[in-house]
């Protein structure tokens, strides 16, 4: 789960809880971003996603 630290609509504590309910999930936060970190900080978002994809490839 990738979230912005300043997202008032989906607060970090709720996102951490949701990530904890999904087997194999993890919580990642991009500081200073709001609800659309993929648009606000695409480089940071893509780095997180590529790391997650690489980890999934190693698991299989």
Protein backbone atom coordinates (compact mmCIF):
# COMPACT_ATOMS: atom_id res chain seq x y z
CA UNK A 1 0.00 0.00 0.00
CA UNK A 2 1.54 3.30 -1.10
CA UNK A 3 0.17 6.42 0.56
CA UNK A 4 0.93 10.06 0.98
CA UNK A 5 1.78 11.19 4.52
CA UNK A 6 -0.55 14.18 4.20
CA UNK A 7 -3.61 12.30 2.91
CA UNK A 8 -6.48 13.49 5.09
CA UNK A 9 -9.03 11.28 3.33
CA UNK A 10 -7.25 8.03 4.12
CA UNK A 11 -5.08 8.58 7.20
CA UNK A 12 -1.80 6.68 7.63
CA UNK A 13 -2.99 4.70 10.66
CA UNK A 14 -5.97 3.34 8.71
CA UNK A 15 -3.80 2.49 5.71
CA UNK A 16 -1.32 0.65 7.94
CA UNK A 17 -4.21 -1.32 9.43
CA UNK A 18 -5.52 -2.25 5.98
CA UNK A 19 -2.08 -3.31 4.77
CA UNK A 20 -1.83 -5.54 7.84
CA UNK A 21 -4.96 -7.38 6.77
CA UNK A 22 -3.56 -8.41 3.38
CA UNK A 23 -1.17 -11.38 3.38
CA UNK A 24 2.21 -10.33 2.00
CA UNK A 25 1.27 -6.64 1.87
CA UNK A 26 3.44 -3.83 3.12
CA UNK A 27 2.87 -0.16 3.87
CA UNK A 28 4.92 2.54 2.19
CA UNK A 29 4.50 6.26 2.82
CA UNK A 30 5.70 9.13 0.65
CA UNK A 31 6.39 12.14 2.84
CA UNK A 32 4.61 15.38 2.07
CA UNK A 33 2.25 13.87 -0.49
CA UNK A 34 -1.53 13.76 -0.33
CA UNK A 35 -4.10 11.43 -1.90
CA UNK A 36 -2.40 10.80 -5.27
CA UNK A 37 1.28 10.14 -4.55
CA UNK A 38 1.60 8.42 -7.93
CA UNK A 39 0.80 11.77 -9.59
CA UNK A 40 2.42 14.10 -7.03
CA UNK A 41 5.69 12.15 -6.75
CA UNK A 42 5.88 9.71 -9.67
CA UNK A 43 9.59 8.95 -9.28
CA UNK A 44 9.23 7.99 -5.61
CA UNK A 45 6.05 6.03 -6.35
CA UNK A 46 7.65 4.15 -9.25
CA UNK A 47 10.71 3.29 -7.15
CA UNK A 48 8.47 1.77 -4.49
CA UNK A 49 6.43 -0.14 -7.05
CA UNK A 50 9.48 -1.47 -8.89
CA UNK A 51 10.93 -2.66 -5.58
CA UNK A 52 7.69 -4.43 -4.78
CA UNK A 53 7.54 -6.05 -8.23
CA UNK A 54 11.14 -7.25 -7.90
CA UNK A 55 10.37 -8.75 -4.49
CA UNK A 56 7.37 -10.59 -5.99
CA UNK A 57 9.52 -12.02 -8.74
CA UNK A 58 11.99 -13.42 -6.17
CA UNK A 59 9.16 -15.06 -4.19
CA UNK A 60 7.89 -17.06 -7.17
